[in-house]
Amino acid sequence: MECSVSKIDREILKSNGWQMGACFTQFSCPELVSSMAENHSQDESFVFIAITHDCAIINDSLIAEPFLEYIVARKIGKLDGNFTHTKNPRKLHIELEIDNSSIPFELNIIDRAFLNRALLLKNKPVQHVRLIDSQKATLVRWLANRYMGQALPDQFEKRIDPVRGKLNKLLSKTEANGMLAIYIELNPRDELASDKNYTLTVALIYEEAAFRKLIDEDCLDRYVDNIKVAFQNAPGIDISGVVPLSEKDFPLYDQRRKIRWRSDHSSFKQNMDDVEMIEDP
């Protein structure tokens, strides 16, 4: 269907079920998928998630909002803690609900594209595949992180480099699946001479349910100790503490004064597209 008119019926779009987070497949929307580039349309197992925001996706003007933006979701074997909860700005692991079962999928930031929004009038999202509200919120934050963030000093990043592989390995363990974010307090936040040390405090922020489960299973202390040891092996960095916290015990006041960090965080000399969002200090 070519976009030959400037207006479309928003009520049809709403009744069809189109909103941000709506999922569709090659089988539910063959006309949409057939208009995609070959690298997106060639695999029948792909799930496509609409990421145009709600107001735009049902806007009645094709001049103001001519396109639907979507992202490809690829099925994976299991979640990797390195990529859950927006820890990585280029890759996200989330779960889609398929026939009432939670199935892990991987999203890559480069796997986004646009479609003619007029095609939505004759196509509907798939009914048995759903992005639940909590996962939708995670997806929105991940997409926003692409454009917001703060870099760290080059000297700090160079000192972390020798232990980055060990940290990534620890963050891929199941104990990290419920980890929402890592926040750090770095003193100073400036470049240092090689004979000066940074002081670092690390806060591991968990979903409340995941936090309580790890405590009940008596495995959180051991995991936190391993994280601390990894940081302690970084040259020129003094670790004042690694603290696990439930999201309920991490107030906005603390969030605004710490840096949200990931293990492959970019420094000042690298591309800002690769930096993850933090709250304003």
Protein backbone atom coordinates (compact mmCIF):
# COMPACT_ATOMS: atom_id res chain seq x y z
CA MET A 1 0.00 0.00 0.00
CA GLU A 2 1.60 3.26 -1.13
CA CYS A 3 1.34 6.40 0.97
CA SER A 4 -0.86 8.36 -1.48
CA VAL A 5 -3.00 10.19 1.11
CA SER A 6 -2.04 12.64 3.82
CA LYS A 7 -4.57 11.46 6.43
CA ILE A 8 -5.30 8.05 7.93
CA ASP A 9 -7.94 6.89 10.41
CA ARG A 10 -6.41 6.85 13.89
CA GLU A 11 -9.35 4.83 15.23
CA ILE A 12 -8.49 1.97 12.88
CA LEU A 13 -4.87 2.09 14.05
CA LYS A 14 -6.04 1.98 17.68
CA SER A 15 -8.52 -0.85 17.09
CA ASN A 16 -5.82 -2.79 15.22
CA GLY A 17 -3.75 -2.64 18.40
CA TRP A 18 -0.87 -0.45 17.27
CA GLN A 19 1.10 1.15 20.09
CA MET A 20 4.71 1.40 21.19
CA GLY A 21 5.88 -2.10 22.11
CA ALA A 22 3.45 -3.84 19.76
CA CYS A 23 5.04 -6.98 18.30
CA PHE A 24 4.65 -8.37 14.81
CA THR A 25 6.15 -11.17 12.75
CA GLN A 26 6.47 -12.34 9.19
CA PHE A 27 3.32 -14.40 9.68
CA SER A 28 1.14 -11.74 11.33
CA CYS A 29 2.17 -8.89 9.02
CA PRO A 30 3.58 -10.31 5.76
CA GLU A 31 2.99 -7.02 3.91
CA LEU A 32 5.02 -5.08 6.47
CA VAL A 33 7.86 -7.58 6.53
CA SER A 34 8.00 -7.86 2.73
CA SER A 35 8.80 -4.14 2.57
CA MET A 36 11.83 -4.55 4.86
CA ALA A 37 15.44 -4.89 3.81
CA GLU A 38 16.55 -8.47 3.21
CA ASN A 39 18.66 -8.69 6.39
CA HIS A 40 15.48 -8.16 8.44
CA SER A 41 12.99 -10.14 6.37
CA GLN A 42 14.99 -13.30 5.68
CA ASP A 43 14.57 -15.01 9.08
CA GLU A 44 11.08 -16.22 10.02
CA SER A 45 12.04 -16.43 13.71
CA PHE A 46 12.54 -12.66 14.07
CA VAL A 47 10.07 -10.67 16.13
CA PHE A 48 9.69 -6.97 15.30
CA ILE A 49 8.85 -4.44 18.00
CA ALA A 50 7.29 -1.06 17.22
CA ILE A 51 9.35 1.67 18.92
CA THR A 52 7.56 4.75 17.59
CA HIS A 53 5.93 6.41 20.61
CA ASP A 54 2.19 6.03 21.14
CA CYS A 55 1.07 9.51 20.04
CA ALA A 56 3.02 9.31 16.80
CA ILE A 57 2.05 5.76 15.92
CA ILE A 58 -1.69 6.63 15.80
CA ASN A 59 -1.29 10.20 14.49
CA ASP A 60 -3.80 10.84 11.70
CA SER A 61 -1.28 12.83 9.63
CA LEU A 62 1.07 10.93 7.33
CA ILE A 63 2.82 14.20 6.58
CA ALA A 64 3.70 14.83 10.23
CA GLU A 65 4.42 11.16 11.01
CA PRO A 66 5.03 9.17 7.81
CA PHE A 67 6.95 6.25 9.33
CA LEU A 68 6.79 3.46 11.87
CA GLU A 69 10.14 2.78 13.53
CA TYR A 70 10.78 -0.80 14.60
CA ILE A 71 13.60 -2.87 16.05
CA VAL A 72 14.43 -6.54 15.44
CA ALA A 73 14.29 -9.02 18.34
CA ARG A 74 16.31 -12.22 17.87
CA LYS A 75 15.61 -15.29 19.99
CA ILE A 76 18.51 -16.42 22.22
CA GLY A 77 19.13 -19.35 24.54
CA LYS A 78 19.32 -17.41 27.81
CA LEU A 79 19.71 -13.93 29.23
CA ASP A 80 23.22 -12.57 29.77
CA GLY A 81 23.48 -10.25 32.79
CA ASN A 82 25.86 -7.99 30.84
CA PHE A 83 22.97 -6.99 28.59
CA THR A 84 19.93 -6.90 30.89
CA HIS A 85 18.42 -3.73 32.38
CA THR A 86 20.14 -1.30 29.94
CA LYS A 87 23.65 -2.15 31.19
CA ASN A 88 24.96 -1.98 27.61
CA PRO A 89 23.95 0.83 25.20
CA ARG A 90 24.33 -1.25 22.04
CA LYS A 91 22.74 -4.56 23.05
CA LEU A 92 19.73 -5.41 25.22
CA HIS A 93 18.45 -8.74 26.51
CA ILE A 94 14.76 -8.81 27.38
CA GLU A 95 11.99 -11.37 27.59
CA LEU A 96 8.93 -11.49 25.38
CA GLU A 97 5.84 -13.33 26.53
CA ILE A 98 4.94 -15.92 23.91
CA ASP A 99 1.89 -18.09 24.58
CA ASN A 100 2.20 -17.16 28.29
CA SER A 101 5.85 -18.26 28.48
CA SER A 102 8.79 -15.86 28.95
CA ILE A 103 11.29 -16.27 26.10
CA PRO A 104 14.65 -14.42 26.01
CA PHE A 105 15.46 -12.19 23.03
CA GLU A 106 18.35 -9.97 22.01
CA LEU A 107 18.01 -6.46 20.56
CA ASN A 108 20.84 -4.56 18.87
CA ILE A 109 20.70 -0.79 18.53
CA ILE A 110 21.77 -1.00 14.86
CA ASP A 111 18.79 -3.27 14.06
CA ARG A 112 16.33 -0.36 13.78
CA ALA A 113 14.56 0.70 10.60
CA PHE A 114 11.48 2.53 9.30
CA LEU A 115 8.33 1.40 7.48
CA ASN A 116 5.51 3.23 5.73
CA ARG A 117 3.01 3.89 8.54
CA ALA A 118 0.07 3.71 6.13
CA LEU A 119 0.65 -0.05 6.00
CA LEU A 120 -0.56 -0.34 9.59
CA LEU A 121 -4.16 0.19 8.47
CA LYS A 122 -4.28 -3.31 6.95
CA ASN A 123 -1.94 -5.07 9.35
CA LYS A 124 -2.26 -6.04 13.01
CA PRO A 125 0.30 -6.94 15.70
CA VAL A 126 0.64 -10.60 16.57
CA GLN A 127 -1.67 -11.62 19.41
CA HIS A 128 0.33 -14.35 21.14
CA VAL A 129 3.57 -12.36 21.47
CA ARG A 130 3.62 -9.59 24.06
CA LEU A 131 6.06 -7.14 25.59
CA ILE A 132 4.94 -6.80 29.20
CA ASP A 133 4.95 -3.36 30.83
CA SER A 134 8.15 -3.79 32.84
CA GLN A 135 10.08 -4.95 29.77
CA LYS A 136 8.58 -2.13 27.73
CA ALA A 137 9.84 0.37 30.32
CA THR A 138 13.31 -1.19 30.07
CA LEU A 139 13.23 -0.89 26.28
CA VAL A 140 12.23 2.79 26.48
CA ARG A 141 15.09 3.55 28.90
CA TRP A 142 17.58 1.68 26.71
CA LEU A 143 16.57 3.63 23.61
CA ALA A 144 16.80 6.93 25.54
CA ASN A 145 20.25 6.04 26.86
CA ARG A 146 21.60 6.27 23.34
CA TYR A 147 21.38 10.04 23.46
CA MET A 148 22.24 10.81 27.09
CA GLY A 149 25.28 10.16 29.19
CA GLN A 150 28.56 11.17 30.75
CA ALA A 151 32.05 9.99 29.94
CA LEU A 152 34.70 9.09 32.48
CA PRO A 153 38.35 10.17 32.63
CA ASP A 154 40.71 8.36 30.27
CA GLN A 155 43.10 7.57 33.12
CA PHE A 156 40.36 5.85 35.11
CA GLU A 157 39.31 3.76 32.11
CA LYS A 158 42.89 2.72 31.38
CA ARG A 159 43.25 1.50 34.94
CA ILE A 160 40.05 -0.53 34.68
CA ASP A 161 41.11 -2.13 31.37
CA PRO A 162 43.17 -4.97 32.94
CA VAL A 163 40.15 -6.21 34.95
CA ARG A 164 37.41 -5.46 32.43
CA GLY A 165 37.29 -9.04 31.15
CA LYS A 166 36.91 -10.42 34.67
CA LEU A 167 34.15 -7.91 35.43
CA ASN A 168 32.31 -8.81 32.22
CA LYS A 169 32.51 -12.49 33.16
CA LEU A 170 31.08 -11.77 36.62
CA LEU A 171 28.30 -9.63 35.14
CA SER A 172 27.28 -12.49 32.84
CA LYS A 173 26.49 -14.75 35.81
CA THR A 174 22.94 -15.43 36.95
CA GLU A 175 23.52 -13.30 40.06
CA ALA A 176 23.56 -10.26 37.75
CA ASN A 177 20.27 -10.98 35.97
CA GLY A 178 18.27 -9.01 38.53
CA MET A 179 20.83 -6.22 38.71
CA LEU A 180 19.28 -3.00 37.43
CA ALA A 181 22.43 -0.88 37.29
CA ILE A 182 25.88 -0.22 38.67
CA TYR A 183 26.52 3.21 40.15
CA ILE A 184 29.94 4.50 41.12
CA GLU A 185 31.27 7.35 43.19
CA LEU A 186 34.63 8.39 41.74
CA ASN A 187 37.01 10.81 43.42
CA PRO A 188 38.24 12.83 41.71
CA ARG A 189 36.29 12.86 38.42
CA ASP A 190 39.22 14.44 36.59
CA GLU A 191 42.31 13.10 34.84
CA LEU A 192 45.04 12.08 37.30
CA ALA A 193 48.78 11.75 36.99
CA SER A 194 49.99 8.16 36.92
CA ASP A 195 51.32 8.39 40.50
CA LYS A 196 47.93 9.41 41.94
CA ASN A 197 45.10 7.02 42.84
CA TYR A 198 41.37 7.23 42.27
CA THR A 199 39.03 6.36 45.14
CA LEU A 200 36.07 4.29 44.01
CA THR A 201 32.83 3.24 45.70
CA VAL A 202 30.53 0.84 43.84
CA ALA A 203 26.79 0.31 44.37
CA LEU A 204 25.10 -2.72 42.77
CA ILE A 205 21.40 -1.91 42.43
CA TYR A 206 18.97 -4.84 42.29
CA GLU A 207 15.30 -5.36 41.70
CA GLU A 208 13.72 -5.83 45.12
CA ALA A 209 12.55 -9.41 44.44
CA ALA A 210 15.92 -10.45 42.99
CA PHE A 211 17.76 -8.83 45.90
CA ARG A 212 15.71 -10.71 48.49
CA LYS A 213 16.08 -13.98 46.59
CA LEU A 214 19.89 -13.70 46.53
CA ILE A 215 19.93 -12.96 50.24
CA ASP A 216 17.68 -15.93 50.99
CA GLU A 217 19.94 -18.18 48.92
CA ASP A 218 22.98 -16.84 50.81
CA CYS A 219 24.97 -16.21 47.64
CA LEU A 220 24.99 -12.40 47.42
CA ASP A 221 27.94 -11.79 49.77
CA ARG A 222 30.19 -14.18 47.86
CA TYR A 223 29.24 -12.59 44.55
CA VAL A 224 29.86 -9.05 45.87
CA ASP A 225 33.24 -10.14 47.23
CA ASN A 226 34.21 -11.39 43.77
CA ILE A 227 33.24 -8.04 42.25
CA LYS A 228 35.29 -6.23 44.89
CA VAL A 229 38.34 -8.40 44.28
CA ALA A 230 38.13 -7.69 40.54
CA PHE A 231 38.12 -3.94 41.16
CA GLN A 232 40.92 -4.25 43.72
CA ASN A 233 43.13 -5.77 41.05
CA ALA A 234 42.87 -2.61 38.94
CA PRO A 235 46.08 -0.56 39.31
CA GLY A 236 45.87 2.97 40.67
CA ILE A 237 42.35 2.56 42.12
CA ASP A 238 41.54 2.37 45.82
CA ILE A 239 38.24 0.59 46.50
CA SER A 240 36.37 2.03 49.48
CA GLY A 241 33.53 -0.44 49.13
CA VAL A 242 31.19 -2.51 46.94
CA VAL A 243 27.64 -2.36 48.27
CA PRO A 244 24.61 -4.34 47.02
CA LEU A 245 21.32 -2.46 47.42
CA SER A 246 17.67 -3.03 46.65
CA GLU A 247 16.14 -0.43 44.36
CA LYS A 248 13.95 0.51 47.34
CA ASP A 249 17.04 1.54 49.31
CA PHE A 250 18.64 3.66 46.59
CA PRO A 251 16.99 7.10 46.70
CA LEU A 252 16.98 9.66 43.93
CA TYR A 253 19.34 11.80 46.04
CA ASP A 254 22.05 9.13 45.69
CA GLN A 255 21.32 8.50 42.02
CA ARG A 256 21.87 12.16 41.17
CA ARG A 257 25.27 12.20 42.86
CA LYS A 258 26.71 9.05 41.40
CA ILE A 259 27.64 7.93 37.90
CA ARG A 260 25.77 5.09 36.27
CA TRP A 261 28.51 2.83 34.98
CA ARG A 262 28.97 -0.18 32.74
CA SER A 263 32.04 -2.32 32.27
CA ASP A 264 32.71 -1.02 28.74
CA HIS A 265 31.99 2.62 29.66
CA SER A 266 33.53 5.10 27.21
CA SER A 267 36.08 7.72 28.11
CA PHE A 268 36.22 11.37 27.08
CA LYS A 269 38.14 10.63 23.87
CA GLN A 270 35.68 8.05 22.57
CA ASN A 271 32.43 8.41 20.69
CA MET A 272 29.63 9.76 22.87
CA ASP A 273 27.16 7.48 21.06
CA ASP A 274 28.65 4.67 23.14
CA VAL A 275 27.99 6.22 26.54
CA GLU A 276 25.19 5.13 28.83
CA MET A 277 22.70 7.44 30.49
CA ILE A 278 23.24 8.77 34.00
CA GLU A 279 21.18 11.07 36.13
CA ASP A 280 22.34 14.70 36.31
CA PRO A 281 24.79 15.29 39.19
